[in-house]
N, C-alpha and C. Protein backbone atom coordinates (compact mmCIF):
# COMPACT_ATOMS: atom_id res chain seq x y z
N MET A 1 0.60 -1.69 0.20
CA MET A 1 0.12 -0.26 -0.07
C MET A 1 0.69 1.25 -0.13
N GLY A 2 1.22 1.68 -0.97
CA GLY A 2 1.98 3.22 -1.28
C GLY A 2 0.89 4.08 -1.00
N LYS A 3 2.00 5.55 -0.67
CA LYS A 3 0.82 6.48 -0.91
C LYS A 3 0.63 7.34 -2.35
N TRP A 4 -0.77 7.90 -2.44
CA TRP A 4 -0.87 8.76 -3.89
C TRP A 4 -1.04 10.25 -3.24
N GLU A 5 -0.89 10.69 -4.59
CA GLU A 5 -0.23 12.30 -4.43
C GLU A 5 -1.52 12.71 -5.45
N CYS A 6 -2.30 13.75 -5.10
CA CYS A 6 -2.83 14.77 -5.85
C CYS A 6 -1.95 15.64 -7.10
N THR A 7 -2.08 15.42 -8.50
CA THR A 7 -2.03 16.23 -9.02
C THR A 7 -1.79 17.53 -9.23
N ILE A 8 -3.13 18.10 -8.73
CA ILE A 8 -3.54 19.48 -8.41
C ILE A 8 -2.78 20.08 -7.21
N CYS A 9 -2.87 19.64 -6.18
CA CYS A 9 -2.82 20.39 -4.96
C CYS A 9 -1.59 19.75 -4.12
N ASN A 10 -1.07 18.40 -4.81
CA ASN A 10 -0.54 17.54 -4.18
C ASN A 10 -0.46 17.14 -2.35
N TYR A 11 -1.63 17.47 -2.45
CA TYR A 11 -2.14 16.27 -1.35
C TYR A 11 -1.72 15.41 -1.31
N ILE A 12 -1.34 14.75 -0.19
CA ILE A 12 -0.62 13.08 -0.32
C ILE A 12 -1.85 12.23 0.61
N TYR A 13 -2.63 11.12 0.03
CA TYR A 13 -3.00 9.90 0.49
C TYR A 13 -2.47 8.96 1.06
N ASP A 14 -2.55 8.64 2.73
CA ASP A 14 -1.60 7.56 2.97
C ASP A 14 -2.83 7.04 3.73
N PRO A 15 -2.70 5.86 2.90
CA PRO A 15 -3.32 4.32 3.39
C PRO A 15 -3.44 4.32 4.95
N GLU A 16 -2.39 4.61 5.64
CA GLU A 16 -2.05 4.30 7.22
C GLU A 16 -3.29 5.56 7.93
N LYS A 17 -3.72 6.38 7.12
CA LYS A 17 -4.58 7.38 8.23
C LYS A 17 -5.83 7.31 7.65
N GLY A 18 -5.65 6.96 6.26
CA GLY A 18 -7.20 7.04 5.47
C GLY A 18 -7.65 8.41 5.73
N ASP A 19 -8.91 8.72 5.02
CA ASP A 19 -9.55 10.12 5.13
C ASP A 19 -10.68 10.16 5.98
N PRO A 20 -10.67 10.17 7.73
CA PRO A 20 -11.31 10.34 8.39
C PRO A 20 -12.82 11.03 7.99
N ASP A 21 -12.54 12.37 7.08
CA ASP A 21 -13.52 13.48 7.00
C ASP A 21 -14.37 12.81 5.87
N SER A 22 -13.99 11.88 5.16
CA SER A 22 -14.87 11.39 4.31
C SER A 22 -15.02 9.80 4.77
N LYS A 23 -15.13 9.40 6.06
CA LYS A 23 -15.16 8.11 6.18
C LYS A 23 -14.53 6.73 5.54
N ILE A 24 -13.44 7.50 5.13
CA ILE A 24 -12.36 6.81 4.69
C ILE A 24 -11.27 5.47 5.94
N ALA A 25 -11.17 4.32 6.07
CA ALA A 25 -10.96 3.92 7.43
C ALA A 25 -9.69 4.19 7.22
N PRO A 26 -8.71 4.19 8.26
CA PRO A 26 -6.98 3.94 7.96
C PRO A 26 -6.86 2.56 7.73
N GLY A 27 -5.84 2.00 6.68
CA GLY A 27 -5.49 0.92 6.35
C GLY A 27 -6.16 0.48 5.02
N THR A 28 -7.14 1.57 4.49
CA THR A 28 -7.66 1.58 2.82
C THR A 28 -6.50 1.86 2.23
N ALA A 29 -6.50 0.88 1.48
CA ALA A 29 -5.93 1.29 0.35
C ALA A 29 -6.75 2.06 -0.52
N PHE A 30 -5.99 2.81 -1.71
CA PHE A 30 -6.13 3.76 -2.29
C PHE A 30 -7.19 2.80 -3.48
N GLU A 31 -6.58 2.18 -3.87
CA GLU A 31 -7.35 1.22 -5.08
C GLU A 31 -8.86 0.92 -4.60
N ASP A 32 -9.30 0.76 -3.17
CA ASP A 32 -10.37 0.48 -2.39
C ASP A 32 -11.35 1.58 -2.38
N ILE A 33 -10.70 2.77 -2.36
CA ILE A 33 -11.76 4.14 -1.99
C ILE A 33 -12.54 3.94 -3.03
N PRO A 34 -13.58 4.17 -2.72
CA PRO A 34 -14.76 4.55 -3.80
C PRO A 34 -14.40 5.73 -4.76
N ASN A 35 -14.66 5.34 -6.25
CA ASN A 35 -14.66 5.96 -6.91
C ASN A 35 -15.01 7.54 -6.94
N ASP A 36 -16.05 7.36 -6.45
CA ASP A 36 -16.49 8.85 -5.80
C ASP A 36 -16.22 9.39 -5.21
N TRP A 37 -15.34 9.70 -4.51
CA TRP A 37 -14.16 9.60 -3.84
C TRP A 37 -13.59 11.23 -3.88
N VAL A 38 -13.51 12.44 -3.50
CA VAL A 38 -12.40 13.26 -3.79
C VAL A 38 -11.47 14.00 -3.14
N CYS A 39 -10.62 14.70 -3.54
CA CYS A 39 -9.84 15.45 -3.00
C CYS A 39 -10.26 16.09 -1.74
N PRO A 40 -9.59 15.80 -0.67
CA PRO A 40 -10.32 16.64 0.46
C PRO A 40 -9.80 18.31 0.31
N ILE A 41 -8.80 18.29 -0.19
CA ILE A 41 -8.34 20.05 -0.25
C ILE A 41 -8.70 20.56 -1.40
N CYS A 42 -8.78 20.00 -2.50
CA CYS A 42 -9.43 20.70 -3.91
C CYS A 42 -9.94 20.23 -4.74
N GLY A 43 -10.98 19.12 -4.02
CA GLY A 43 -12.06 18.64 -4.73
C GLY A 43 -11.82 18.00 -5.95
N ASP A 44 -10.32 17.47 -6.22
CA ASP A 44 -10.31 17.02 -8.12
C ASP A 44 -10.74 15.96 -7.38
N ASP A 45 -11.01 15.06 -8.60
CA ASP A 45 -11.47 13.35 -8.32
C ASP A 45 -10.31 12.42 -8.31
N LYS A 46 -10.35 11.18 -8.16
CA LYS A 46 -9.49 10.15 -7.69
C LYS A 46 -8.64 10.05 -9.07
N SER A 47 -9.08 10.34 -10.18
CA SER A 47 -8.14 10.09 -11.53
C SER A 47 -7.19 10.85 -11.28
N MET A 48 -7.09 12.19 -10.84
CA MET A 48 -5.95 12.69 -10.74
C MET A 48 -5.09 12.79 -9.53
N PHE A 49 -5.04 11.27 -9.28
CA PHE A 49 -4.11 11.23 -8.10
C PHE A 49 -2.99 10.31 -9.00
N GLU A 50 -1.44 10.27 -8.46
CA GLU A 50 -0.78 9.76 -9.00
C GLU A 50 0.17 8.40 -7.86
N LYS A 51 0.74 7.67 -7.72
CA LYS A 51 1.39 6.96 -7.19
C LYS A 51 2.76 7.29 -6.79
N VAL A 52 3.07 7.49 -5.37
CA VAL A 52 4.00 8.16 -5.08
C VAL A 52 5.03 6.98 -4.98
N GLU A 53 6.21 7.03 -5.40
CA GLU A 53 7.45 6.17 -6.05
C GLU A 53 8.54 6.06 -4.62
């Protein structure tokens, strides 16, 4: 489970932390987040994220 970065605002989704404000539990892999989830900072959709190597 790697981290994913929004290419618009540089928000980092960390699966260890999840996204509690959007009810994404800690330990949730990015691939398992619902497709209608959006970046909590800029509101862009999941397709705007790239895996951080």
